[in-house]
Amino acid sequence: AALPVAATYFLVASGLVVGLLGMVFAAKSIAEPLAGVRAGM
């Protein structure tokens, strides 16, 4: 009960947003080179 609800929501939101951004960039770092290879093929 001592942990503010707002702080919990903030950490959860941060995890969702930062995790999403990180996964997007990680996926692009793999997908874009593969798309280049597919176009070359």
Full PDB file with SEQRES, HELIX, SHEET, SSBOND, CRYST1, ORIGX, SCALE, CONECT and MASTER records, all heavy atoms in Angstrom:
SEQRES   1 A   41  ALA ALA LEU PRO VAL ALA ALA THR TYR PHE LEU VAL ALA          
SEQRES   2 A   41  SER GLY LEU VAL VAL GLY LEU LEU GLY MET VAL PHE ALA          
SEQRES   3 A   41  ALA LYS SER ILE ALA GLU PRO LEU ALA GLY VAL ARG ALA          
SEQRES   4 A   41  GLY MET                                                      
HELIX    1 AA1 VAL A    5  GLY A   40  1                                  36    
CRYST1    1.000    1.000    1.000  90.00  90.00  90.00 P 1           1          
ORIGX1      1.000000  0.000000  0.000000        0.00000                         
ORIGX2      0.000000  1.000000  0.000000        0.00000                         
ORIGX3      0.000000  0.000000  1.000000        0.00000                         
SCALE1      1.000000  0.000000  0.000000        0.00000                         
SCALE2      0.000000  1.000000  0.000000        0.00000                         
SCALE3      0.000000  0.000000  1.000000        0.00000                         
ATOM      1  N   ALA A   1       0.816  -1.219   0.000  1.00  0.00           N  
ATOM      2  CA  ALA A   1       0.000   0.000   0.000  1.00  0.00           C  
ATOM      3  C   ALA A   1       0.843   1.261   0.000  1.00  0.00           C  
ATOM      4  O   ALA A   1       0.367   2.345  -0.343  1.00  0.00           O  
ATOM      5  CB  ALA A   1      -0.945  -0.005   1.207  1.00  0.00           C  
ATOM      6  N   ALA A   2       2.131   1.112   0.414  1.00  0.00           N  
ATOM      7  CA  ALA A   2       2.984   2.303   0.486  1.00  0.00           C  
ATOM      8  C   ALA A   2       3.438   2.776  -0.878  1.00  0.00           C  
ATOM      9  O   ALA A   2       3.920   3.904  -1.025  1.00  0.00           O  
ATOM     10  CB  ALA A   2       4.198   2.006   1.364  1.00  0.00           C  
ATOM     11  N   LEU A   3       3.336   1.926  -1.922  1.00  0.00           N  
ATOM     12  CA  LEU A   3       3.763   2.310  -3.267  1.00  0.00           C  
ATOM     13  C   LEU A   3       2.626   3.062  -3.948  1.00  0.00           C  
ATOM     14  O   LEU A   3       1.525   2.532  -4.081  1.00  0.00           O  
ATOM     15  CB  LEU A   3       4.129   1.069  -4.077  1.00  0.00           C  
ATOM     16  CG  LEU A   3       4.639   1.335  -5.501  1.00  0.00           C  
ATOM     17  CD1 LEU A   3       5.964   2.081  -5.449  1.00  0.00           C  
ATOM     18  CD2 LEU A   3       4.764   0.043  -6.272  1.00  0.00           C  
ATOM     19  N   PRO A   4       2.858   4.267  -4.370  1.00  0.00           N  
ATOM     20  CA  PRO A   4       1.803   5.035  -5.038  1.00  0.00           C  
ATOM     21  C   PRO A   4       1.327   4.306  -6.291  1.00  0.00           C  
ATOM     22  O   PRO A   4       2.118   3.714  -7.024  1.00  0.00           O  
ATOM     23  CB  PRO A   4       2.478   6.362  -5.380  1.00  0.00           C  
ATOM     24  CG  PRO A   4       3.642   6.452  -4.459  1.00  0.00           C  
ATOM     25  CD  PRO A   4       4.080   5.045  -4.209  1.00  0.00           C  
ATOM     26  N   VAL A   5       0.009   4.369  -6.516  1.00  0.00           N  
ATOM     27  CA  VAL A   5      -0.557   3.736  -7.704  1.00  0.00           C  
ATOM     28  C   VAL A   5      -0.008   4.374  -8.964  1.00  0.00           C  
ATOM     29  O   VAL A   5       0.295   3.694  -9.959  1.00  0.00           O  
ATOM     30  CB  VAL A   5      -2.101   3.846  -7.664  1.00  0.00           C  
ATOM     31  CG1 VAL A   5      -2.703   3.297  -8.960  1.00  0.00           C  
ATOM     32  CG2 VAL A   5      -2.654   3.106  -6.463  1.00  0.00           C  
ATOM     33  N   ALA A   6       0.168   5.682  -8.927  1.00  0.00           N  
ATOM     34  CA  ALA A   6       0.680   6.392 -10.103  1.00  0.00           C  
ATOM     35  C   ALA A   6       2.074   5.891 -10.478  1.00  0.00           C  
ATOM     36  O   ALA A   6       2.405   5.744 -11.665  1.00  0.00           O  
ATOM     37  CB  ALA A   6       0.709   7.897  -9.846  1.00  0.00           C  
ATOM     38  N   ALA A   7       2.895   5.605  -9.504  1.00  0.00           N  
ATOM     39  CA  ALA A   7       4.243   5.118  -9.789  1.00  0.00           C  
ATOM     40  C   ALA A   7       4.196   3.752 -10.452  1.00  0.00           C  
ATOM     41  O   ALA A   7       4.961   3.453 -11.392  1.00  0.00           O  
ATOM     42  CB  ALA A   7       5.058   5.054  -8.500  1.00  0.00           C  
ATOM     43  N   THR A   8       3.298   2.907  -9.984  1.00  0.00           N  
ATOM     44  CA  THR A   8       3.167   1.581 -10.590  1.00  0.00           C  
ATOM     45  C   THR A   8       2.720   1.684 -12.038  1.00  0.00           C  
ATOM     46  O   THR A   8       3.281   1.034 -12.934  1.00  0.00           O  
ATOM     47  CB  THR A   8       2.155   0.746  -9.798  1.00  0.00           C  
ATOM     48  OG1 THR A   8       2.591   0.634  -8.440  1.00  0.00           O  
ATOM     49  CG2 THR A   8       2.030  -0.646 -10.400  1.00  0.00           C  
ATOM     50  N   TYR A   9       1.691   2.504 -12.269  1.00  0.00           N  
ATOM     51  CA  TYR A   9       1.223   2.694 -13.636  1.00  0.00           C  
ATOM     52  C   TYR A   9       2.312   3.281 -14.531  1.00  0.00           C  
ATOM     53  O   TYR A   9       2.430   2.938 -15.714  1.00  0.00           O  
ATOM     54  CB  TYR A   9      -0.009   3.603 -13.640  1.00  0.00           C  
ATOM     55  CG  TYR A   9      -1.268   2.914 -13.176  1.00  0.00           C  
ATOM     56  CD1 TYR A   9      -2.318   3.644 -12.624  1.00  0.00           C  
ATOM     57  CD2 TYR A   9      -1.407   1.532 -13.273  1.00  0.00           C  
ATOM     58  CE1 TYR A   9      -3.482   3.019 -12.185  1.00  0.00           C  
ATOM     59  CE2 TYR A   9      -2.566   0.894 -12.843  1.00  0.00           C  
ATOM     60  CZ  TYR A   9      -3.590   1.648 -12.292  1.00  0.00           C  
ATOM     61  OH  TYR A   9      -4.731   1.031 -11.872  1.00  0.00           O  
ATOM     62  N   PHE A  10       3.100   4.181 -13.953  1.00  0.00           N  
ATOM     63  CA  PHE A  10       4.180   4.790 -14.740  1.00  0.00           C  
ATOM     64  C   PHE A  10       5.209   3.743 -15.167  1.00  0.00           C  
ATOM     65  O   PHE A  10       5.655   3.717 -16.319  1.00  0.00           O  
ATOM     66  CB  PHE A  10       4.859   5.889 -13.925  1.00  0.00           C  
ATOM     67  CG  PHE A  10       6.072   6.468 -14.605  1.00  0.00           C  
ATOM     68  CD1 PHE A  10       5.957   7.378 -15.643  1.00  0.00           C  
ATOM     69  CD2 PHE A  10       7.349   6.068 -14.212  1.00  0.00           C  
ATOM     70  CE1 PHE A  10       7.080   7.893 -16.267  1.00  0.00           C  
ATOM     71  CE2 PHE A  10       8.472   6.576 -14.839  1.00  0.00           C  
ATOM     72  CZ  PHE A  10       8.336   7.486 -15.872  1.00  0.00           C  
ATOM     73  N   LEU A  11       5.582   2.869 -14.240  1.00  0.00           N  
ATOM     74  CA  LEU A  11       6.559   1.828 -14.562  1.00  0.00           C  
ATOM     75  C   LEU A  11       5.997   0.848 -15.589  1.00  0.00           C  
ATOM     76  O   LEU A  11       6.697   0.410 -16.508  1.00  0.00           O  
ATOM     77  CB  LEU A  11       6.967   1.085 -13.292  1.00  0.00           C  
ATOM     78  CG  LEU A  11       7.824   1.885 -12.292  1.00  0.00           C  
ATOM     79  CD1 LEU A  11       8.009   1.085 -11.013  1.00  0.00           C  
ATOM     80  CD2 LEU A  11       9.172   2.241 -12.902  1.00  0.00           C  
ATOM     81  N   VAL A  12       4.715   0.498 -15.439  1.00  0.00           N  
ATOM     82  CA  VAL A  12       4.101  -0.416 -16.403  1.00  0.00           C  
ATOM     83  C   VAL A  12       4.054   0.230 -17.785  1.00  0.00           C  
ATOM     84  O   VAL A  12       4.389  -0.391 -18.801  1.00  0.00           O  
ATOM     85  CB  VAL A  12       2.685  -0.806 -15.941  1.00  0.00           C  
ATOM     86  CG1 VAL A  12       1.964  -1.586 -17.038  1.00  0.00           C  
ATOM     87  CG2 VAL A  12       2.753  -1.650 -14.670  1.00  0.00           C  
ATOM     88  N   ALA A  13       3.633   1.482 -17.842  1.00  0.00           N  
ATOM     89  CA  ALA A  13       3.568   2.186 -19.123  1.00  0.00           C  
ATOM     90  C   ALA A  13       4.950   2.325 -19.743  1.00  0.00           C  
ATOM     91  O   ALA A  13       5.127   2.166 -20.966  1.00  0.00           O  
ATOM     92  CB  ALA A  13       2.929   3.566 -18.929  1.00  0.00           C  
ATOM     93  N   SER A  14       5.928   2.607 -18.897  1.00  0.00           N  
ATOM     94  CA  SER A  14       7.304   2.720 -19.420  1.00  0.00           C  
ATOM     95  C   SER A  14       7.766   1.399 -20.020  1.00  0.00           C  
ATOM     96  O   SER A  14       8.394   1.361 -21.094  1.00  0.00           O  
ATOM     97  CB  SER A  14       8.253   3.148 -18.290  1.00  0.00           C  
ATOM     98  OG  SER A  14       7.887   4.411 -17.781  1.00  0.00           O  
ATOM     99  N   GLY A  15       7.450   0.304 -19.318  1.00  0.00           N  
ATOM    100  CA  GLY A  15       7.833  -1.002 -19.843  1.00  0.00           C  
ATOM    101  C   GLY A  15       7.174  -1.303 -21.170  1.00  0.00           C  
ATOM    102  O   GLY A  15       7.813  -1.828 -22.092  1.00  0.00           O  
ATOM    103  N   LEU A  16       5.886  -0.953 -21.288  1.00  0.00           N  
ATOM    104  CA  LEU A  16       5.180  -1.203 -22.542  1.00  0.00           C  
ATOM    105  C   LEU A  16       5.737  -0.359 -23.681  1.00  0.00           C  
ATOM    106  O   LEU A  16       6.004  -0.857 -24.776  1.00  0.00           O  
ATOM    107  CB  LEU A  16       3.682  -0.931 -22.361  1.00  0.00           C  
ATOM    108  CG  LEU A  16       2.930  -1.896 -21.433  1.00  0.00           C  
ATOM    109  CD1 LEU A  16       1.492  -1.419 -21.241  1.00  0.00           C  
ATOM    110  CD2 LEU A  16       2.946  -3.304 -22.011  1.00  0.00           C  
ATOM    111  N   VAL A  17       5.920   0.942 -23.426  1.00  0.00           N  
ATOM    112  CA  VAL A  17       6.351   1.854 -24.488  1.00  0.00           C  
ATOM    113  C   VAL A  17       7.787   1.565 -24.895  1.00  0.00           C  
ATOM    114  O   VAL A  17       8.105   1.395 -26.083  1.00  0.00           O  
ATOM    115  CB  VAL A  17       6.192   3.312 -24.030  1.00  0.00           C  
ATOM    116  CG1 VAL A  17       6.799   4.260 -25.072  1.00  0.00           C  
ATOM    117  CG2 VAL A  17       4.726   3.641 -23.823  1.00  0.00           C  
ATOM    118  N   VAL A  18       8.682   1.518 -23.908  1.00  0.00           N  
ATOM    119  CA  VAL A  18      10.091   1.295 -24.225  1.00  0.00           C  
ATOM    120  C   VAL A  18      10.295  -0.096 -24.814  1.00  0.00           C  
ATOM    121  O   VAL A  18      11.064  -0.283 -25.766  1.00  0.00           O  
ATOM    122  CB  VAL A  18      10.961   1.491 -22.970  1.00  0.00           C  
ATOM    123  CG1 VAL A  18      12.422   1.175 -23.272  1.00  0.00           C  
ATOM    124  CG2 VAL A  18      10.837   2.915 -22.452  1.00  0.00           C  
ATOM    125  N   GLY A  19       9.581  -1.081 -24.285  1.00  0.00           N  
ATOM    126  CA  GLY A  19       9.700  -2.429 -24.833  1.00  0.00           C  
ATOM    127  C   GLY A  19       9.215  -2.496 -26.266  1.00  0.00           C  
ATOM    128  O   GLY A  19       9.832  -3.155 -27.116  1.00  0.00           O  
ATOM    129  N   LEU A  20       8.099  -1.793 -26.530  1.00  0.00           N  
ATOM    130  CA  LEU A  20       7.584  -1.782 -27.900  1.00  0.00           C  
ATOM    131  C   LEU A  20       8.574  -1.123 -28.852  1.00  0.00           C  
ATOM    132  O   LEU A  20       8.859  -1.647 -29.944  1.00  0.00           O  
ATOM    133  CB  LEU A  20       6.240  -1.052 -27.938  1.00  0.00           C  
ATOM    134  CG  LEU A  20       5.611  -0.882 -29.328  1.00  0.00           C  
ATOM    135  CD1 LEU A  20       5.323  -2.253 -29.950  1.00  0.00           C  
ATOM    136  CD2 LEU A  20       4.337  -0.051 -29.250  1.00  0.00           C  
ATOM    137  N   LEU A  21       9.111   0.037 -28.426  1.00  0.00           N  
ATOM    138  CA  LEU A  21      10.087   0.727 -29.284  1.00  0.00           C  
ATOM    139  C   LEU A  21      11.312  -0.141 -29.525  1.00  0.00           C  
ATOM    140  O   LEU A  21      11.823  -0.245 -30.646  1.00  0.00           O  
ATOM    141  CB  LEU A  21      10.502   2.053 -28.648  1.00  0.00           C  
ATOM    142  CG  LEU A  21       9.441   3.162 -28.627  1.00  0.00           C  
ATOM    143  CD1 LEU A  21       9.967   4.378 -27.858  1.00  0.00           C  
ATOM    144  CD2 LEU A  21       9.080   3.561 -30.046  1.00  0.00           C  
ATOM    145  N   GLY A  22      11.781  -0.770 -28.458  1.00  0.00           N  
ATOM    146  CA  GLY A  22      12.957  -1.612 -28.608  1.00  0.00           C  
ATOM    147  C   GLY A  22      12.715  -2.778 -29.555  1.00  0.00           C  
ATOM    148  O   GLY A  22      13.551  -3.087 -30.415  1.00  0.00           O  
ATOM    149  N   MET A  23      11.568  -3.428 -29.410  1.00  0.00           N  
ATOM    150  CA  MET A  23      11.269  -4.563 -30.285  1.00  0.00           C  
ATOM    151  C   MET A  23      11.077  -4.114 -31.729  1.00  0.00           C  
ATOM    152  O   MET A  23      11.445  -4.834 -32.668  1.00  0.00           O  
ATOM    153  CB  MET A  23      10.018  -5.283 -29.795  1.00  0.00           C  
ATOM    154  CG  MET A  23      10.200  -5.971 -28.449  1.00  0.00           C  
ATOM    155  SD  MET A  23      11.575  -7.146 -28.400  1.00  0.00           S  
ATOM    156  CE  MET A  23      10.968  -8.407 -29.504  1.00  0.00           C  
ATOM    157  N   VAL A  24      10.489  -2.919 -31.924  1.00  0.00           N  
ATOM    158  CA  VAL A  24      10.319  -2.405 -33.286  1.00  0.00           C  
ATOM    159  C   VAL A  24      11.675  -2.203 -33.956  1.00  0.00           C  
ATOM    160  O   VAL A  24      11.906  -2.623 -35.093  1.00  0.00           O  
ATOM    161  CB  VAL A  24       9.515  -1.091 -33.275  1.00  0.00           C  
ATOM    162  CG1 VAL A  24       9.618  -0.382 -34.626  1.00  0.00           C  
ATOM    163  CG2 VAL A  24       8.060  -1.377 -32.957  1.00  0.00           C  
ATOM    164  N   PHE A  25      12.590  -1.552 -33.234  1.00  0.00           N  
ATOM    165  CA  PHE A  25      13.915  -1.313 -33.823  1.00  0.00           C  
ATOM    166  C   PHE A  25      14.684  -2.622 -34.014  1.00  0.00           C  
ATOM    167  O   PHE A  25      15.404  -2.794 -35.005  1.00  0.00           O  
ATOM    168  CB  PHE A  25      14.721  -0.356 -32.942  1.00  0.00           C  
ATOM    169  CG  PHE A  25      14.330   1.081 -33.111  1.00  0.00           C  
ATOM    170  CD1 PHE A  25      13.656   1.754 -32.108  1.00  0.00           C  
ATOM    171  CD2 PHE A  25      14.621   1.754 -34.281  1.00  0.00           C  
ATOM    172  CE1 PHE A  25      13.292   3.080 -32.261  1.00  0.00           C  
ATOM    173  CE2 PHE A  25      14.263   3.081 -34.444  1.00  0.00           C  
ATOM    174  CZ  PHE A  25      13.592   3.751 -33.429  1.00  0.00           C  
ATOM    175  N   ALA A  26      14.528  -3.555 -33.059  1.00  0.00           N  
ATOM    176  CA  ALA A  26      15.208  -4.844 -33.207  1.00  0.00           C  
ATOM    177  C   ALA A  26      14.656  -5.608 -34.410  1.00  0.00           C  
ATOM    178  O   ALA A  26      15.405  -6.214 -35.188  1.00  0.00           O  
ATOM    179  CB  ALA A  26      15.049  -5.672 -31.936  1.00  0.00           C  
ATOM    180  N   ALA A  27      13.310  -5.565 -34.570  1.00  0.00           N  
ATOM    181  CA  ALA A  27      12.704  -6.257 -35.708  1.00  0.00           C  
ATOM    182  C   ALA A  27      13.130  -5.616 -37.025  1.00  0.00           C  
ATOM    183  O   ALA A  27      13.419  -6.314 -38.012  1.00  0.00           O  
ATOM    184  CB  ALA A  27      11.183  -6.234 -35.577  1.00  0.00           C  
ATOM    185  N   LYS A  28      13.168  -4.282 -37.061  1.00  0.00           N  
ATOM    186  CA  LYS A  28      13.585  -3.597 -38.289  1.00  0.00           C  
ATOM    187  C   LYS A  28      15.039  -3.903 -38.623  1.00  0.00           C  
ATOM    188  O   LYS A  28      15.408  -4.013 -39.798  1.00  0.00           O  
ATOM    189  CB  LYS A  28      13.389  -2.088 -38.145  1.00  0.00           C  
ATOM    190  CG  LYS A  28      11.945  -1.625 -38.302  1.00  0.00           C  
ATOM    191  CD  LYS A  28      11.854  -0.121 -38.198  1.00  0.00           C  
ATOM    192  CE  LYS A  28      10.439   0.352 -38.519  1.00  0.00           C  
ATOM    193  NZ  LYS A  28      10.102   0.169 -39.943  1.00  0.00           N  
ATOM    194  N   SER A  29      15.868  -4.027 -37.598  1.00  0.00           N  
ATOM    195  CA  SER A  29      17.288  -4.316 -37.854  1.00  0.00           C  
ATOM    196  C   SER A  29      17.476  -5.683 -38.498  1.00  0.00           C  
ATOM    197  O   SER A  29      18.514  -5.957 -39.103  1.00  0.00           O  
ATOM    198  CB  SER A  29      18.082  -4.241 -36.547  1.00  0.00           C  
ATOM    199  OG  SER A  29      17.736  -5.323 -35.689  1.00  0.00           O  
ATOM    200  N   ILE A  30      16.477  -6.551 -38.378  1.00  0.00           N  
ATOM    201  CA  ILE A  30      16.530  -7.869 -39.007  1.00  0.00           C  
ATOM    202  C   ILE A  30      15.730  -7.895 -40.301  1.00  0.00           C  
ATOM    203  O   ILE A  30      16.180  -8.409 -41.328  1.00  0.00           O  
ATOM    204  CB  ILE A  30      15.997  -8.941 -38.036  1.00  0.00           C  
ATOM    205  CG1 ILE A  30      16.870  -8.994 -36.778  1.00  0.00           C  
ATOM    206  CG2 ILE A  30      15.958 -10.306 -38.709  1.00  0.00           C  
ATOM    207  CD1 ILE A  30      16.320  -9.888 -35.690  1.00  0.00           C  
ATOM    208  N   ALA A  31      14.528  -7.309 -40.261  1.00  0.00           N  
ATOM    209  CA  ALA A  31      13.622  -7.393 -41.408  1.00  0.00           C  
ATOM    210  C   ALA A  31      14.138  -6.602 -42.607  1.00  0.00           C  
ATOM    211  O   ALA A  31      14.029  -7.052 -43.755  1.00  0.00           O  
ATOM    212  CB  ALA A  31      12.229  -6.896 -41.013  1.00  0.00           C  
ATOM    213  N   GLU A  32      14.681  -5.408 -42.388  1.00  0.00           N  
ATOM    214  CA  GLU A  32      15.102  -4.573 -43.524  1.00  0.00           C  
ATOM    215  C   GLU A  32      16.262  -5.193 -44.303  1.00  0.00           C  
ATOM    216  O   GLU A  32      16.222  -5.224 -45.538  1.00  0.00           O  
ATOM    217  CB  GLU A  32      15.456  -3.173 -43.024  1.00  0.00           C  
ATOM    218  CG  GLU A  32      14.222  -2.385 -42.581  1.00  0.00           C  
ATOM    219  CD  GLU A  32      14.579  -1.010 -42.067  1.00  0.00           C  
ATOM    220  OE1 GLU A  32      15.778  -0.744 -41.873  1.00  0.00           O  
ATOM    221  OE2 GLU A  32      13.648  -0.203 -41.838  1.00  0.00           O  
ATOM    222  N   PRO A  33      17.318  -5.701 -43.655  1.00  0.00           N  
ATOM    223  CA  PRO A  33      18.357  -6.392 -44.435  1.00  0.00           C  
ATOM    224  C   PRO A  33      17.832  -7.613 -45.176  1.00  0.00           C  
ATOM    225  O   PRO A  33      18.224  -7.873 -46.315  1.00  0.00           O  
ATOM    226  CB  PRO A  33      19.401  -6.780 -43.380  1.00  0.00           C  
ATOM    227  CG  PRO A  33      19.185  -5.834 -42.269  1.00  0.00           C  
ATOM    228  CD  PRO A  33      17.718  -5.564 -42.246  1.00  0.00           C  
ATOM    229  N   LEU A  34      16.911  -8.367 -44.516  1.00  0.00           N  
ATOM    230  CA  LEU A  34      16.345  -9.527 -45.198  1.00  0.00           C  
ATOM    231  C   LEU A  34      15.515  -9.105 -46.404  1.00  0.00           C  
ATOM    232  O   LEU A  34      15.515  -9.781 -47.440  1.00  0.00           O  
ATOM    233  CB  LEU A  34      15.483 -10.336 -44.225  1.00  0.00           C  
ATOM    234  CG  LEU A  34      16.222 -11.030 -43.072  1.00  0.00           C  
ATOM    235  CD1 LEU A  34      15.249 -11.814 -42.218  1.00  0.00           C  
ATOM    236  CD2 LEU A  34      17.320 -11.948 -43.607  1.00  0.00           C  
ATOM    237  N   ALA A  35      14.796  -7.984 -46.283  1.00  0.00           N  
ATOM    238  CA  ALA A  35      14.030  -7.483 -47.426  1.00  0.00           C  
ATOM    239  C   ALA A  35      14.962  -7.100 -48.570  1.00  0.00           C  
ATOM    240  O   ALA A  35      14.649  -7.317 -49.748  1.00  0.00           O  
ATOM    241  CB  ALA A  35      13.184  -6.285 -47.004  1.00  0.00           C  
ATOM    242  N   GLY A  36      16.135  -6.532 -48.230  1.00  0.00           N  
ATOM    243  CA  GLY A  36      17.113  -6.207 -49.266  1.00  0.00           C  
ATOM    244  C   GLY A  36      17.627  -7.444 -49.976  1.00  0.00           C  
ATOM    245  O   GLY A  36      17.784  -7.457 -51.201  1.00  0.00           O  
ATOM    246  N   VAL A  37      17.868  -8.512 -49.208  1.00  0.00           N  
ATOM    247  CA  VAL A  37      18.326  -9.758 -49.813  1.00  0.00           C  
ATOM    248  C   VAL A  37      17.230 -10.359 -50.693  1.00  0.00           C  
ATOM    249  O   VAL A  37      17.494 -10.866 -51.794  1.00  0.00           O  
ATOM    250  CB  VAL A  37      18.759 -10.758 -48.719  1.00  0.00           C  
ATOM    251  CG1 VAL A  37      19.083 -12.116 -49.322  1.00  0.00           C  
ATOM    252  CG2 VAL A  37      19.969 -10.225 -47.968  1.00  0.00           C  
ATOM    253  N   ARG A  38      15.983 -10.297 -50.221  1.00  0.00           N  
ATOM    254  CA  ARG A  38      14.871 -10.823 -51.019  1.00  0.00           C  
ATOM    255  C   ARG A  38      14.731 -10.044 -52.330  1.00  0.00           C  
ATOM    256  O   ARG A  38      14.483 -10.632 -53.395  1.00  0.00           O  
ATOM    257  CB  ARG A  38      13.570 -10.733 -50.221  1.00  0.00           C  
ATOM    258  CG  ARG A  38      13.457 -11.762 -49.104  1.00  0.00           C  
ATOM    259  CD  ARG A  38      12.145 -11.609 -48.366  1.00  0.00           C  
ATOM    260  NE  ARG A  38      11.011 -11.740 -49.277  1.00  0.00           N  
ATOM    261  CZ  ARG A  38       9.759 -11.439 -48.945  1.00  0.00           C  
ATOM    262  NH1 ARG A  38       9.500 -10.961 -47.732  1.00  0.00           N  
ATOM    263  NH2 ARG A  38       8.782 -11.596 -49.815  1.00  0.00           N  
ATOM    264  N   ALA A  39      14.875  -8.713 -52.258  1.00  0.00           N  
ATOM    265  CA  ALA A  39      14.793  -7.907 -53.478  1.00  0.00           C  
ATOM    266  C   ALA A  39      15.926  -8.266 -54.432  1.00  0.00           C  
ATOM    267  O   ALA A  39      15.738  -8.350 -55.656  1.00  0.00           O  
ATOM    268  CB  ALA A  39      14.838  -6.421 -53.126  1.00  0.00           C  
ATOM    269  N   GLY A  40      17.114  -8.492 -53.877  1.00  0.00           N  
ATOM    270  CA  GLY A  40      18.233  -8.902 -54.719  1.00  0.00           C  
ATOM    271  C   GLY A  40      17.998 -10.241 -55.368  1.00  0.00           C  
ATOM    272  O   GLY A  40      18.315 -10.450 -56.543  1.00  0.00           O  
ATOM    273  N   MET A  41      17.402 -11.187 -54.627  1.00  0.00           N  
ATOM    274  CA  MET A  41      17.105 -12.503 -55.192  1.00  0.00           C  
ATOM    275  C   MET A  41      16.079 -12.394 -56.316  1.00  0.00           C  
ATOM    276  O   MET A  41      16.198 -13.072 -57.344  1.00  0.00           O  
ATOM    277  CB  MET A  41      16.593 -13.433 -54.096  1.00  0.00           C  
ATOM    278  CG  MET A  41      17.636 -13.801 -53.055  1.00  0.00           C  
ATOM    279  SD  MET A  41      16.978 -14.852 -51.733  1.00  0.00           S  
ATOM    280  CE  MET A  41      16.565 -16.317 -52.671  1.00  0.00           C  
TER     281      MET A  41                                                      
MASTER        0    0    0    1    0    0    0    6  280    1    0    4          
END                                                                             
